[in-house]
């Protein structure tokens, strides 16, 4: 089996204690890939029932073996031009998140390099939100 050596997740997260995902969807005209309201319960894969502490509206693009810039472009295209995302009703926290999980060598060593085109940096800046980057290197 041929396994990709990395996974990339690009996402926009909007969170708030009283956030109603349907209100956000109506305001941005984009359906979330993940959402919940505070108090909503779900069962984990381990069988535990957990209750959401805050509301969430998220647009997430997850791809194996693709470049960060490609996955980010897909997210930005899905979101389209938007303004005032952090000023939507009940949004207390709004940010973009870029996560990369990559394999190291058997000794646990490795590097992960990625870049964004100037047009992507400019596009992100139009939203006026922070961008978080996380890279996780793990042994195969």
N, C-alpha and C. Protein backbone atom coordinates (compact mmCIF):
# COMPACT_ATOMS: atom_id res chain seq x y z
N UNK A 1 0.85 -1.18 0.00
CA UNK A 1 0.00 0.00 0.00
C UNK A 1 0.89 1.24 0.00
N UNK A 2 0.60 2.17 -0.86
CA UNK A 2 1.36 3.40 -0.97
C UNK A 2 0.70 4.46 -0.09
N UNK A 3 1.37 4.83 1.00
CA UNK A 3 0.82 5.81 1.94
C UNK A 3 1.45 7.17 1.67
N UNK A 4 0.66 8.25 1.66
CA UNK A 4 1.25 9.58 1.52
C UNK A 4 2.10 9.90 2.75
N UNK A 5 3.12 10.73 2.57
CA UNK A 5 4.00 11.04 3.69
C UNK A 5 3.53 12.23 4.52
N UNK A 6 2.41 12.84 4.13
CA UNK A 6 1.89 13.94 4.93
C UNK A 6 0.40 14.18 4.65
N UNK A 7 -0.22 14.88 5.59
CA UNK A 7 -1.62 15.28 5.50
C UNK A 7 -1.67 16.79 5.75
N UNK A 8 -2.53 17.47 5.01
CA UNK A 8 -2.69 18.91 5.18
C UNK A 8 -4.16 19.20 5.45
N UNK A 9 -4.40 20.01 6.47
CA UNK A 9 -5.75 20.46 6.79
C UNK A 9 -5.72 21.99 6.83
N UNK A 10 -6.55 22.61 6.00
CA UNK A 10 -6.72 24.06 6.02
C UNK A 10 -8.15 24.33 6.44
N UNK A 11 -8.33 25.23 7.39
CA UNK A 11 -9.67 25.44 7.94
C UNK A 11 -9.88 26.89 8.37
N UNK A 12 -11.14 27.27 8.37
CA UNK A 12 -11.60 28.50 8.99
C UNK A 12 -12.47 28.08 10.16
N UNK A 13 -12.14 28.57 11.36
CA UNK A 13 -12.92 28.26 12.56
C UNK A 13 -13.56 29.53 13.11
N UNK A 14 -14.86 29.48 13.35
CA UNK A 14 -15.60 30.54 14.02
C UNK A 14 -16.21 29.91 15.27
N UNK A 15 -15.91 30.49 16.44
CA UNK A 15 -16.36 29.90 17.70
C UNK A 15 -17.02 30.96 18.58
N UNK A 16 -17.92 30.51 19.43
CA UNK A 16 -18.56 31.40 20.40
C UNK A 16 -19.53 30.63 21.27
N UNK A 17 -19.63 31.03 22.52
CA UNK A 17 -20.50 30.33 23.46
C UNK A 17 -21.95 30.28 22.97
N UNK A 18 -22.41 31.37 22.40
CA UNK A 18 -23.80 31.44 21.94
C UNK A 18 -23.92 31.36 20.42
N UNK A 19 -22.84 30.99 19.75
CA UNK A 19 -22.84 30.93 18.29
C UNK A 19 -23.86 29.91 17.79
N UNK A 20 -24.65 30.33 16.83
CA UNK A 20 -25.62 29.45 16.17
C UNK A 20 -25.12 29.21 14.75
N UNK A 21 -24.70 28.00 14.43
CA UNK A 21 -24.16 27.73 13.09
C UNK A 21 -25.09 28.14 11.96
N UNK A 22 -26.38 28.00 12.13
CA UNK A 22 -27.31 28.38 11.06
C UNK A 22 -27.26 29.87 10.78
N UNK A 23 -27.02 30.70 11.81
CA UNK A 23 -26.90 32.15 11.61
C UNK A 23 -25.65 32.48 10.80
N UNK A 24 -24.56 31.78 11.09
CA UNK A 24 -23.31 32.02 10.36
C UNK A 24 -23.49 31.59 8.91
N UNK A 25 -24.07 30.42 8.71
CA UNK A 25 -24.30 29.93 7.34
C UNK A 25 -25.13 30.92 6.54
N UNK A 26 -26.16 31.46 7.15
CA UNK A 26 -27.00 32.45 6.46
C UNK A 26 -26.20 33.72 6.13
N UNK A 27 -25.32 34.12 7.01
CA UNK A 27 -24.55 35.36 6.81
C UNK A 27 -23.46 35.21 5.74
N UNK A 28 -22.83 34.04 5.68
CA UNK A 28 -21.70 33.86 4.75
C UNK A 28 -22.10 33.11 3.48
N UNK A 29 -23.29 32.56 3.45
CA UNK A 29 -23.80 31.81 2.28
C UNK A 29 -22.90 30.64 1.89
N UNK A 30 -22.30 30.02 2.88
CA UNK A 30 -21.47 28.83 2.68
C UNK A 30 -21.83 27.84 3.78
N UNK A 31 -22.07 26.59 3.40
CA UNK A 31 -22.38 25.56 4.40
C UNK A 31 -21.09 25.10 5.08
N UNK A 32 -21.12 24.91 6.39
CA UNK A 32 -19.92 24.43 7.08
C UNK A 32 -19.68 22.95 6.81
N UNK A 33 -18.45 22.52 7.00
CA UNK A 33 -18.15 21.09 6.94
C UNK A 33 -18.27 20.48 8.33
N UNK A 34 -18.25 21.33 9.35
CA UNK A 34 -18.42 20.88 10.73
C UNK A 34 -19.08 22.01 11.51
N UNK A 35 -20.04 21.65 12.37
CA UNK A 35 -20.68 22.67 13.20
C UNK A 35 -21.30 22.01 14.43
N UNK A 36 -21.51 22.86 15.43
CA UNK A 36 -22.19 22.40 16.65
C UNK A 36 -22.64 23.61 17.43
N UNK A 37 -23.63 23.40 18.28
CA UNK A 37 -24.06 24.43 19.21
C UNK A 37 -23.61 24.02 20.61
N UNK A 38 -23.50 25.01 21.49
CA UNK A 38 -23.12 24.70 22.87
C UNK A 38 -24.16 23.77 23.48
N UNK A 39 -23.67 22.76 24.16
CA UNK A 39 -24.56 21.80 24.80
C UNK A 39 -24.89 20.60 23.94
N UNK A 40 -24.61 20.68 22.65
CA UNK A 40 -24.86 19.55 21.75
C UNK A 40 -23.99 18.37 22.19
N UNK A 41 -24.56 17.19 22.22
CA UNK A 41 -23.80 16.01 22.65
C UNK A 41 -23.47 15.11 21.47
N UNK A 42 -22.37 14.40 21.63
CA UNK A 42 -21.97 13.40 20.64
C UNK A 42 -21.23 12.30 21.37
N UNK A 43 -21.15 11.15 20.72
CA UNK A 43 -20.45 10.00 21.30
C UNK A 43 -19.12 9.82 20.58
N UNK A 44 -18.05 9.72 21.35
CA UNK A 44 -16.72 9.55 20.77
C UNK A 44 -16.54 8.12 20.29
N UNK A 45 -15.46 7.88 19.56
CA UNK A 45 -15.16 6.52 19.08
C UNK A 45 -14.91 5.56 20.24
N UNK A 46 -14.54 6.10 21.40
CA UNK A 46 -14.32 5.27 22.58
C UNK A 46 -15.61 5.01 23.35
N UNK A 47 -16.72 5.61 22.87
CA UNK A 47 -18.01 5.37 23.50
C UNK A 47 -18.40 6.38 24.56
N UNK A 48 -17.56 7.40 24.81
CA UNK A 48 -17.88 8.42 25.80
C UNK A 48 -18.80 9.47 25.19
N UNK A 49 -19.73 9.97 25.99
CA UNK A 49 -20.61 11.05 25.55
C UNK A 49 -20.03 12.37 26.04
N UNK A 50 -19.85 13.31 25.10
CA UNK A 50 -19.32 14.62 25.49
C UNK A 50 -20.29 15.70 25.03
N UNK A 51 -20.27 16.81 25.76
CA UNK A 51 -21.14 17.93 25.48
C UNK A 51 -20.29 19.11 25.03
N UNK A 52 -20.65 19.76 23.93
CA UNK A 52 -19.88 20.88 23.41
C UNK A 52 -19.94 22.06 24.38
N UNK A 53 -18.78 22.62 24.67
CA UNK A 53 -18.69 23.75 25.59
C UNK A 53 -18.93 25.08 24.89
N UNK A 54 -18.82 25.08 23.55
CA UNK A 54 -18.99 26.30 22.79
C UNK A 54 -19.57 25.97 21.42
N UNK A 55 -20.13 26.97 20.78
CA UNK A 55 -20.63 26.78 19.42
C UNK A 55 -19.48 26.83 18.43
N UNK A 56 -19.64 26.17 17.31
CA UNK A 56 -18.59 26.09 16.30
C UNK A 56 -19.21 26.09 14.91
N UNK A 57 -18.59 26.85 14.01
CA UNK A 57 -18.87 26.79 12.58
C UNK A 57 -17.51 26.68 11.93
N UNK A 58 -17.29 25.62 11.15
CA UNK A 58 -15.97 25.41 10.55
C UNK A 58 -16.10 25.00 9.09
N UNK A 59 -15.21 25.54 8.29
CA UNK A 59 -15.06 25.13 6.90
C UNK A 59 -13.68 24.50 6.80
N UNK A 60 -13.64 23.20 6.48
CA UNK A 60 -12.39 22.43 6.57
C UNK A 60 -12.13 21.71 5.26
N UNK A 61 -10.88 21.81 4.79
CA UNK A 61 -10.42 21.05 3.63
C UNK A 61 -9.25 20.20 4.11
N UNK A 62 -9.37 18.89 3.96
CA UNK A 62 -8.35 17.94 4.42
C UNK A 62 -7.92 17.08 3.25
N UNK A 63 -6.60 17.05 2.97
CA UNK A 63 -6.08 16.28 1.85
C UNK A 63 -4.79 15.57 2.24
N UNK A 64 -4.63 14.38 1.72
CA UNK A 64 -3.40 13.61 1.91
C UNK A 64 -2.44 13.87 0.75
N UNK A 65 -1.17 14.10 1.09
CA UNK A 65 -0.12 14.19 0.09
C UNK A 65 -0.15 15.40 -0.82
N UNK A 66 -0.89 16.44 -0.47
CA UNK A 66 -0.97 17.62 -1.33
C UNK A 66 -0.17 18.77 -0.72
N UNK A 67 0.18 19.72 -1.55
CA UNK A 67 0.89 20.91 -1.09
C UNK A 67 -0.03 21.80 -0.25
N UNK A 68 0.54 22.45 0.75
CA UNK A 68 -0.22 23.36 1.59
C UNK A 68 -0.91 24.42 0.74
N UNK A 69 -0.20 24.99 -0.21
CA UNK A 69 -0.78 26.05 -1.03
C UNK A 69 -2.00 25.57 -1.82
N UNK A 70 -1.97 24.33 -2.28
CA UNK A 70 -3.10 23.78 -3.03
C UNK A 70 -4.33 23.62 -2.14
N UNK A 71 -4.11 23.11 -0.93
CA UNK A 71 -5.22 22.91 0.01
C UNK A 71 -5.77 24.26 0.47
N UNK A 72 -4.90 25.22 0.71
CA UNK A 72 -5.35 26.55 1.11
C UNK A 72 -6.16 27.21 0.00
N UNK A 73 -5.72 27.07 -1.23
CA UNK A 73 -6.47 27.63 -2.36
C UNK A 73 -7.86 27.02 -2.43
N UNK A 74 -7.96 25.72 -2.20
CA UNK A 74 -9.27 25.06 -2.21
C UNK A 74 -10.17 25.64 -1.12
N UNK A 75 -9.62 25.88 0.07
CA UNK A 75 -10.40 26.47 1.15
C UNK A 75 -10.86 27.88 0.79
N UNK A 76 -9.93 28.70 0.30
CA UNK A 76 -10.28 30.08 -0.04
C UNK A 76 -11.32 30.15 -1.15
N UNK A 77 -11.23 29.25 -2.12
CA UNK A 77 -12.22 29.20 -3.20
C UNK A 77 -13.59 28.80 -2.66
N UNK A 78 -13.62 27.86 -1.72
CA UNK A 78 -14.89 27.42 -1.14
C UNK A 78 -15.52 28.54 -0.31
N UNK A 79 -14.70 29.31 0.37
CA UNK A 79 -15.19 30.39 1.23
C UNK A 79 -15.63 31.61 0.42
N UNK A 80 -14.89 31.93 -0.61
CA UNK A 80 -15.20 33.11 -1.40
C UNK A 80 -14.92 34.39 -0.62
N UNK A 81 -15.11 35.54 -1.26
CA UNK A 81 -14.86 36.81 -0.57
C UNK A 81 -15.84 37.00 0.58
N UNK A 82 -15.34 37.40 1.70
CA UNK A 82 -16.16 37.64 2.89
C UNK A 82 -15.59 38.84 3.63
N UNK A 83 -16.42 39.52 4.36
CA UNK A 83 -15.92 40.59 5.22
C UNK A 83 -16.62 40.49 6.57
N UNK A 84 -15.94 40.94 7.58
CA UNK A 84 -16.53 41.00 8.91
C UNK A 84 -16.79 39.66 9.57
N UNK A 85 -15.99 38.64 9.25
CA UNK A 85 -16.23 37.32 9.84
C UNK A 85 -16.14 37.34 11.36
N UNK A 86 -15.21 38.13 11.89
CA UNK A 86 -15.08 38.18 13.35
C UNK A 86 -16.16 39.04 13.99
N UNK A 87 -16.91 39.79 13.18
CA UNK A 87 -17.97 40.65 13.70
C UNK A 87 -19.36 40.04 13.57
N UNK A 88 -19.45 38.81 13.14
CA UNK A 88 -20.74 38.14 13.05
C UNK A 88 -21.31 37.96 14.45
N UNK A 89 -22.63 37.93 14.58
CA UNK A 89 -23.22 37.78 15.91
C UNK A 89 -22.72 36.52 16.63
N UNK A 90 -22.32 36.72 17.86
CA UNK A 90 -21.89 35.65 18.77
C UNK A 90 -20.58 34.98 18.40
N UNK A 91 -19.82 35.54 17.45
CA UNK A 91 -18.49 35.01 17.15
C UNK A 91 -17.50 35.65 18.11
N UNK A 92 -16.89 34.83 18.96
CA UNK A 92 -15.92 35.31 19.94
C UNK A 92 -14.49 35.03 19.51
N UNK A 93 -14.32 34.05 18.64
CA UNK A 93 -12.98 33.68 18.16
C UNK A 93 -13.11 33.27 16.69
N UNK A 94 -12.25 33.85 15.85
CA UNK A 94 -12.27 33.55 14.42
C UNK A 94 -10.83 33.49 13.93
N UNK A 95 -10.46 32.40 13.24
CA UNK A 95 -9.10 32.28 12.74
C UNK A 95 -9.01 31.21 11.65
N UNK A 96 -7.98 31.35 10.83
CA UNK A 96 -7.62 30.30 9.88
C UNK A 96 -6.60 29.40 10.56
N UNK A 97 -6.66 28.13 10.22
CA UNK A 97 -5.72 27.16 10.80
C UNK A 97 -5.15 26.31 9.67
N UNK A 98 -3.84 26.23 9.60
CA UNK A 98 -3.15 25.37 8.64
C UNK A 98 -2.40 24.33 9.46
N UNK A 99 -2.76 23.07 9.27
CA UNK A 99 -2.15 21.96 10.02
C UNK A 99 -1.51 20.99 9.04
N UNK A 100 -0.26 20.62 9.32
CA UNK A 100 0.45 19.64 8.51
C UNK A 100 0.94 18.53 9.43
N UNK A 101 0.59 17.30 9.09
CA UNK A 101 1.11 16.13 9.81
C UNK A 101 2.00 15.38 8.82
N UNK A 102 3.28 15.25 9.16
CA UNK A 102 4.24 14.63 8.26
C UNK A 102 5.01 13.53 8.97
N UNK A 103 5.53 12.61 8.19
CA UNK A 103 6.31 11.51 8.74
C UNK A 103 7.78 11.89 8.84
N UNK A 104 8.39 11.49 9.93
CA UNK A 104 9.83 11.66 10.10
C UNK A 104 10.51 10.36 9.65
N UNK A 105 11.82 10.32 9.78
CA UNK A 105 12.51 9.06 9.51
C UNK A 105 12.42 8.18 10.76
N UNK A 106 13.02 7.02 10.71
CA UNK A 106 12.94 6.07 11.83
C UNK A 106 13.53 6.63 13.13
N UNK A 107 14.45 7.60 13.02
CA UNK A 107 15.06 8.20 14.19
C UNK A 107 14.23 9.37 14.75
N UNK A 108 13.11 9.65 14.10
CA UNK A 108 12.26 10.74 14.56
C UNK A 108 12.69 12.09 14.04
N UNK A 109 13.58 12.10 13.06
CA UNK A 109 14.06 13.36 12.49
C UNK A 109 13.38 13.62 11.15
N UNK A 110 13.25 14.86 10.82
CA UNK A 110 12.66 15.22 9.54
C UNK A 110 12.39 16.70 9.47
N UNK A 111 12.10 17.15 8.29
CA UNK A 111 11.75 18.56 8.10
C UNK A 111 10.46 18.64 7.30
N UNK A 112 9.82 19.75 7.43
CA UNK A 112 8.60 20.02 6.67
C UNK A 112 8.69 21.46 6.21
N UNK A 113 8.63 21.65 4.92
CA UNK A 113 8.73 22.99 4.37
C UNK A 113 7.51 23.27 3.51
N UNK A 114 6.97 24.48 3.64
CA UNK A 114 5.89 24.89 2.77
C UNK A 114 5.93 26.40 2.62
N UNK A 115 5.30 26.88 1.60
CA UNK A 115 5.25 28.32 1.36
C UNK A 115 3.91 28.71 0.81
N UNK A 116 3.63 30.00 0.90
CA UNK A 116 2.40 30.56 0.34
C UNK A 116 2.78 31.56 -0.73
N UNK A 117 2.02 31.59 -1.79
CA UNK A 117 2.24 32.57 -2.84
C UNK A 117 1.81 33.95 -2.33
N UNK A 118 2.40 35.01 -2.85
CA UNK A 118 1.97 36.35 -2.43
C UNK A 118 0.46 36.56 -2.58
N UNK A 119 -0.13 35.99 -3.62
CA UNK A 119 -1.57 36.14 -3.82
C UNK A 119 -2.36 35.47 -2.69
N UNK A 120 -1.84 34.36 -2.16
CA UNK A 120 -2.52 33.70 -1.05
C UNK A 120 -2.39 34.52 0.23
N UNK A 121 -1.21 35.06 0.47
CA UNK A 121 -1.03 35.92 1.65
C UNK A 121 -1.96 37.12 1.57
N UNK A 122 -2.06 37.70 0.37
CA UNK A 122 -2.94 38.85 0.18
C UNK A 122 -4.41 38.46 0.37
N UNK A 123 -4.79 37.30 -0.14
CA UNK A 123 -6.17 36.83 0.01
C UNK A 123 -6.50 36.61 1.48
N UNK A 124 -5.60 35.98 2.22
CA UNK A 124 -5.82 35.77 3.65
C UNK A 124 -5.96 37.11 4.38
N UNK A 125 -5.14 38.07 4.00
CA UNK A 125 -5.18 39.38 4.67
C UNK A 125 -6.53 40.08 4.50
N UNK A 126 -7.23 39.82 3.40
CA UNK A 126 -8.52 40.48 3.17
C UNK A 126 -9.56 40.08 4.22
N UNK A 127 -9.39 38.91 4.83
CA UNK A 127 -10.34 38.46 5.85
C UNK A 127 -10.08 39.12 7.21
N UNK A 128 -8.87 39.63 7.42
CA UNK A 128 -8.55 40.30 8.67
C UNK A 128 -8.52 39.39 9.88
N UNK A 129 -8.19 38.12 9.66
CA UNK A 129 -8.17 37.14 10.75
C UNK A 129 -6.76 36.60 10.96
N UNK A 130 -6.46 36.16 12.18
CA UNK A 130 -5.17 35.51 12.40
C UNK A 130 -5.09 34.18 11.66
N UNK A 131 -3.86 33.78 11.36
CA UNK A 131 -3.60 32.50 10.71
C UNK A 131 -2.66 31.71 11.62
N UNK A 132 -3.08 30.52 12.03
CA UNK A 132 -2.27 29.65 12.88
C UNK A 132 -1.68 28.54 12.03
N UNK A 133 -0.40 28.23 12.25
CA UNK A 133 0.27 27.15 11.54
C UNK A 133 0.75 26.14 12.57
N UNK A 134 0.48 24.85 12.32
CA UNK A 134 0.96 23.78 13.17
C UNK A 134 1.53 22.68 12.30
N UNK A 135 2.74 22.22 12.65
CA UNK A 135 3.36 21.09 11.95
C UNK A 135 3.67 20.04 12.99
N UNK A 136 3.23 18.82 12.70
CA UNK A 136 3.47 17.69 13.60
C UNK A 136 4.27 16.64 12.83
N UNK A 137 5.45 16.30 13.33
CA UNK A 137 6.29 15.28 12.73
C UNK A 137 6.19 14.02 13.59
N UNK A 138 5.92 12.87 12.96
CA UNK A 138 5.81 11.63 13.71
C UNK A 138 6.54 10.51 13.00
N UNK A 139 6.96 9.52 13.78
CA UNK A 139 7.63 8.36 13.23
C UNK A 139 6.65 7.51 12.42
N UNK A 140 7.15 6.91 11.33
CA UNK A 140 6.27 6.04 10.53
C UNK A 140 5.84 4.82 11.30
